[in-house]
Amino acid sequence: MGIVDIFEAFAAAFEAAVDDDDWSRLAPYLAEDATYWNVGGPDPQCKGRKAILAFLKTDVANNDRHFDTRTLVALAPPTAKGNRLSRRWRCTYTLAGARDLVIEGEARYRIEDDLIQEIEEEVTADTMQRLDAWMGEYGDRLPAPGEG
């Protein structure tokens, strides 16, 4: 299987997990010692398949699930070179009575032996500014992480 196929299967499994909270479906795509980098995020790194699955589950529960809708789109097809792949994306969140929150970034993957060895997620600088402004205006409508 090529790295684009592996990525697309992983991405589809991720979206299914967002829908039904079955994060175990991602395990077959991740190396046991995979690394997840959340560039600029509060928890910048997870090491190991179990830690990554736990992080993704918690991240979606503490963030995405507090919005009315979440719409993820690719801004361009994935770009593959050797064992590396990247994709630019946009996620739009809606919440009643608030303007849409638009997050954009890039996901970068290193795939070897048909397994994801490394994931690096990075949001754009513009996104960080939009997020700060949105949170300043509407953040009190969201429960604190770990609540609700």
C-alpha atoms as a PDB file:
ATOM      1  CA  MET A   1       0.000   0.000   0.000  1.00  0.00           C
ATOM      2  CA  GLY A   2       1.338   3.465  -0.861  1.00  0.00           C
ATOM      3  CA  ILE A   3       1.707   6.239   1.690  1.00  0.00           C
ATOM      4  CA  VAL A   4      -1.202   8.216   0.223  1.00  0.00           C
ATOM      5  CA  ASP A   5      -3.435   5.140   0.608  1.00  0.00           C
ATOM      6  CA  ILE A   6      -2.278   4.648   4.197  1.00  0.00           C
ATOM      7  CA  PHE A   7      -2.879   8.313   4.981  1.00  0.00           C
ATOM      8  CA  GLU A   8      -6.349   8.311   3.402  1.00  0.00           C
ATOM      9  CA  ALA A   9      -7.342   5.162   5.306  1.00  0.00           C
ATOM     10  CA  PHE A  10      -6.043   6.697   8.555  1.00  0.00           C
ATOM     11  CA  ALA A  11      -7.898   9.965   7.861  1.00  0.00           C
ATOM     12  CA  ALA A  12     -11.154   8.079   7.191  1.00  0.00           C
ATOM     13  CA  ALA A  13     -10.671   6.053  10.387  1.00  0.00           C
ATOM     14  CA  PHE A  14     -10.056   9.294  12.311  1.00  0.00           C
ATOM     15  CA  GLU A  15     -13.307  10.831  11.051  1.00  0.00           C
ATOM     16  CA  ALA A  16     -15.185   7.631  11.947  1.00  0.00           C
ATOM     17  CA  ALA A  17     -13.656   7.786  15.449  1.00  0.00           C
ATOM     18  CA  VAL A  18     -14.800  11.398  15.804  1.00  0.00           C
ATOM     19  CA  ASP A  19     -18.314  10.159  15.009  1.00  0.00           C
ATOM     20  CA  ASP A  20     -18.448   7.091  17.253  1.00  0.00           C
ATOM     21  CA  ASP A  21     -15.555   7.557  19.741  1.00  0.00           C
ATOM     22  CA  ASP A  22     -13.956   4.200  18.809  1.00  0.00           C
ATOM     23  CA  TRP A  23     -10.329   5.314  18.702  1.00  0.00           C
ATOM     24  CA  SER A  24      -9.021   1.742  18.565  1.00  0.00           C
ATOM     25  CA  ARG A  25      -9.734   1.770  14.818  1.00  0.00           C
ATOM     26  CA  LEU A  26      -6.641   4.015  14.404  1.00  0.00           C
ATOM     27  CA  ALA A  27      -4.256   1.556  16.071  1.00  0.00           C
ATOM     28  CA  PRO A  28      -3.512  -0.533  12.943  1.00  0.00           C
ATOM     29  CA  TYR A  29      -2.134   2.563  11.186  1.00  0.00           C
ATOM     30  CA  LEU A  30       0.267   3.665  13.937  1.00  0.00           C
ATOM     31  CA  ALA A  31       3.650   2.179  14.774  1.00  0.00           C
ATOM     32  CA  GLU A  32       3.926   1.041  18.397  1.00  0.00           C
ATOM     33  CA  ASP A  33       6.551   3.757  19.022  1.00  0.00           C
ATOM     34  CA  ALA A  34       4.945   6.452  16.843  1.00  0.00           C
ATOM     35  CA  THR A  35       5.332  10.106  17.795  1.00  0.00           C
ATOM     36  CA  TYR A  36       2.725  12.876  17.597  1.00  0.00           C
ATOM     37  CA  TRP A  37       3.896  16.497  17.598  1.00  0.00           C
ATOM     38  CA  ASN A  38       1.371  19.261  18.277  1.00  0.00           C
ATOM     39  CA  VAL A  39       3.556  22.153  17.147  1.00  0.00           C
ATOM     40  CA  GLY A  40       2.878  25.192  19.320  1.00  0.00           C
ATOM     41  CA  GLY A  41       0.201  23.377  21.318  1.00  0.00           C
ATOM     42  CA  PRO A  42      -0.084  23.051  25.071  1.00  0.00           C
ATOM     43  CA  ASP A  43       0.870  19.352  24.940  1.00  0.00           C
ATOM     44  CA  PRO A  44       3.545  19.401  22.260  1.00  0.00           C
ATOM     45  CA  GLN A  45       4.424  15.714  22.076  1.00  0.00           C
ATOM     46  CA  CYS A  46       3.013  12.226  22.601  1.00  0.00           C
ATOM     47  CA  LYS A  47       5.129   9.117  22.268  1.00  0.00           C
ATOM     48  CA  GLY A  48       3.710   5.690  21.591  1.00  0.00           C
ATOM     49  CA  ARG A  49       0.537   4.395  19.971  1.00  0.00           C
ATOM     50  CA  LYS A  50      -1.464   4.240  23.222  1.00  0.00           C
ATOM     51  CA  ALA A  51      -0.483   7.784  24.213  1.00  0.00           C
ATOM     52  CA  ILE A  52      -1.413   9.139  20.776  1.00  0.00           C
ATOM     53  CA  LEU A  53      -4.806   7.427  20.821  1.00  0.00           C
ATOM     54  CA  ALA A  54      -5.483   8.772  24.321  1.00  0.00           C
ATOM     55  CA  PHE A  55      -4.408  12.274  23.290  1.00  0.00           C
ATOM     56  CA  LEU A  56      -6.633  12.295  20.188  1.00  0.00           C
ATOM     57  CA  LYS A  57      -9.637  11.022  22.125  1.00  0.00           C
ATOM     58  CA  THR A  58      -9.149  13.633  24.868  1.00  0.00           C
ATOM     59  CA  ASP A  59      -8.466  16.436  22.400  1.00  0.00           C
ATOM     60  CA  VAL A  60     -11.681  15.757  20.475  1.00  0.00           C
ATOM     61  CA  ALA A  61     -13.675  15.398  23.719  1.00  0.00           C
ATOM     62  CA  ASN A  62     -12.296  18.648  25.163  1.00  0.00           C
ATOM     63  CA  ASN A  63     -12.586  20.677  21.977  1.00  0.00           C
ATOM     64  CA  ASP A  64     -14.522  19.417  18.955  1.00  0.00           C
ATOM     65  CA  ARG A  65     -17.423  17.903  20.886  1.00  0.00           C
ATOM     66  CA  HIS A  66     -18.281  21.246  22.516  1.00  0.00           C
ATOM     67  CA  PHE A  67     -19.298  22.745  19.179  1.00  0.00           C
ATOM     68  CA  ASP A  68     -22.568  22.235  17.327  1.00  0.00           C
ATOM     69  CA  THR A  69     -20.818  21.161  14.119  1.00  0.00           C
ATOM     70  CA  ARG A  70     -17.320  20.404  12.893  1.00  0.00           C
ATOM     71  CA  THR A  71     -16.463  20.399   9.189  1.00  0.00           C
ATOM     72  CA  LEU A  72     -12.995  19.316   8.069  1.00  0.00           C
ATOM     73  CA  VAL A  73     -11.876  19.870   4.472  1.00  0.00           C
ATOM     74  CA  ALA A  74      -8.609  19.368   2.660  1.00  0.00           C
ATOM     75  CA  LEU A  75      -7.279  22.572   1.108  1.00  0.00           C
ATOM     76  CA  ALA A  76      -5.276  20.562  -1.417  1.00  0.00           C
ATOM     77  CA  PRO A  77      -4.613  16.883  -2.149  1.00  0.00           C
ATOM     78  CA  PRO A  78      -1.940  15.279   0.011  1.00  0.00           C
ATOM     79  CA  THR A  79       1.617  15.802  -1.202  1.00  0.00           C
ATOM     80  CA  ALA A  80       3.920  12.798  -0.955  1.00  0.00           C
ATOM     81  CA  LYS A  81       7.689  12.666  -1.314  1.00  0.00           C
ATOM     82  CA  GLY A  82       9.583   9.546  -0.342  1.00  0.00           C
ATOM     83  CA  ASN A  83       8.221   8.370   3.003  1.00  0.00           C
ATOM     84  CA  ARG A  84       6.769  11.789   3.915  1.00  0.00           C
ATOM     85  CA  LEU A  85       3.325  13.170   3.249  1.00  0.00           C
ATOM     86  CA  SER A  86       1.713  16.498   4.037  1.00  0.00           C
ATOM     87  CA  ARG A  87      -1.764  17.915   3.709  1.00  0.00           C
ATOM     88  CA  ARG A  88      -3.142  21.391   4.337  1.00  0.00           C
ATOM     89  CA  TRP A  89      -6.550  21.454   5.970  1.00  0.00           C
ATOM     90  CA  ARG A  90      -9.307  23.711   7.304  1.00  0.00           C
ATOM     91  CA  CYS A  91     -11.719  22.861  10.089  1.00  0.00           C
ATOM     92  CA  THR A  92     -14.776  25.027  10.670  1.00  0.00           C
ATOM     93  CA  TYR A  93     -16.586  24.854  13.993  1.00  0.00           C
ATOM     94  CA  THR A  94     -20.042  26.284  14.592  1.00  0.00           C
ATOM     95  CA  LEU A  95     -21.667  27.218  17.872  1.00  0.00           C
ATOM     96  CA  ALA A  96     -25.132  28.762  18.181  1.00  0.00           C
ATOM     97  CA  GLY A  97     -24.917  32.507  18.688  1.00  0.00           C
ATOM     98  CA  ALA A  98     -21.227  32.723  17.775  1.00  0.00           C
ATOM     99  CA  ARG A  99     -19.417  33.374  14.539  1.00  0.00           C
ATOM    100  CA  ASP A 100     -17.764  30.358  12.967  1.00  0.00           C
ATOM    101  CA  LEU A 101     -14.338  29.414  14.254  1.00  0.00           C
ATOM    102  CA  VAL A 102     -12.044  28.559  11.344  1.00  0.00           C
ATOM    103  CA  ILE A 103      -8.826  26.672  12.080  1.00  0.00           C
ATOM    104  CA  GLU A 104      -6.276  26.031   9.326  1.00  0.00           C
ATOM    105  CA  GLY A 105      -3.072  24.102   9.395  1.00  0.00           C
ATOM    106  CA  GLU A 106      -0.899  21.408   7.967  1.00  0.00           C
ATOM    107  CA  ALA A 107      -0.471  17.782   8.957  1.00  0.00           C
ATOM    108  CA  ARG A 108       2.838  16.102   8.144  1.00  0.00           C
ATOM    109  CA  TYR A 109       3.403  12.350   8.324  1.00  0.00           C
ATOM    110  CA  ARG A 110       6.386  10.024   8.132  1.00  0.00           C
ATOM    111  CA  ILE A 111       5.311   6.562   7.035  1.00  0.00           C
ATOM    112  CA  GLU A 112       7.601   3.531   6.986  1.00  0.00           C
ATOM    113  CA  ASP A 113       6.795  -0.163   6.577  1.00  0.00           C
ATOM    114  CA  ASP A 114       3.127   0.739   6.005  1.00  0.00           C
ATOM    115  CA  LEU A 115       2.848   2.342   9.458  1.00  0.00           C
ATOM    116  CA  ILE A 116       2.691   5.969  10.544  1.00  0.00           C
ATOM    117  CA  GLN A 117       5.871   6.644  12.493  1.00  0.00           C
ATOM    118  CA  GLU A 118       5.376  10.353  13.083  1.00  0.00           C
ATOM    119  CA  ILE A 119       2.562  12.900  12.870  1.00  0.00           C
ATOM    120  CA  GLU A 120       3.213  16.609  13.126  1.00  0.00           C
ATOM    121  CA  GLU A 121       0.259  19.016  13.291  1.00  0.00           C
ATOM    122  CA  GLU A 122       0.770  22.750  12.992  1.00  0.00           C
ATOM    123  CA  VAL A 123      -1.838  25.483  12.769  1.00  0.00           C
ATOM    124  CA  THR A 124      -1.139  28.718  10.930  1.00  0.00           C
ATOM    125  CA  ALA A 125      -0.164  31.953  12.673  1.00  0.00           C
ATOM    126  CA  ASP A 126      -3.399  33.524  11.359  1.00  0.00           C
ATOM    127  CA  THR A 127      -5.327  30.713  12.986  1.00  0.00           C
ATOM    128  CA  MET A 128      -3.745  31.418  16.362  1.00  0.00           C
ATOM    129  CA  GLN A 129      -4.807  35.064  16.079  1.00  0.00           C
ATOM    130  CA  ARG A 130      -8.366  34.083  15.059  1.00  0.00           C
ATOM    131  CA  LEU A 131      -8.534  31.523  17.861  1.00  0.00           C
ATOM    132  CA  ASP A 132      -7.399  34.041  20.474  1.00  0.00           C
ATOM    133  CA  ALA A 133      -9.953  36.597  19.243  1.00  0.00           C
ATOM    134  CA  TRP A 134     -12.747  34.001  19.090  1.00  0.00           C
ATOM    135  CA  MET A 135     -11.973  32.712  22.582  1.00  0.00           C
ATOM    136  CA  GLY A 136     -11.912  36.284  23.909  1.00  0.00           C
ATOM    137  CA  GLU A 137     -15.378  36.870  22.490  1.00  0.00           C
ATOM    138  CA  TYR A 138     -17.084  33.482  22.878  1.00  0.00           C
ATOM    139  CA  GLY A 139     -14.829  31.276  25.005  1.00  0.00           C
ATOM    140  CA  ASP A 140     -17.054  31.606  28.069  1.00  0.00           C
ATOM    141  CA  ARG A 141     -19.724  29.627  26.179  1.00  0.00           C
ATOM    142  CA  LEU A 142     -17.497  26.557  26.139  1.00  0.00           C
ATOM    143  CA  PRO A 143     -16.907  24.317  29.131  1.00  0.00           C
ATOM    144  CA  ALA A 144     -13.390  24.193  30.503  1.00  0.00           C
ATOM    145  CA  PRO A 145     -11.310  21.255  29.195  1.00  0.00           C
ATOM    146  CA  GLY A 146     -12.372  18.070  30.957  1.00  0.00           C
ATOM    147  CA  GLU A 147     -15.847  19.431  31.747  1.00  0.00           C
ATOM    148  CA  GLY A 148     -19.191  19.016  30.023  1.00  0.00           C
END
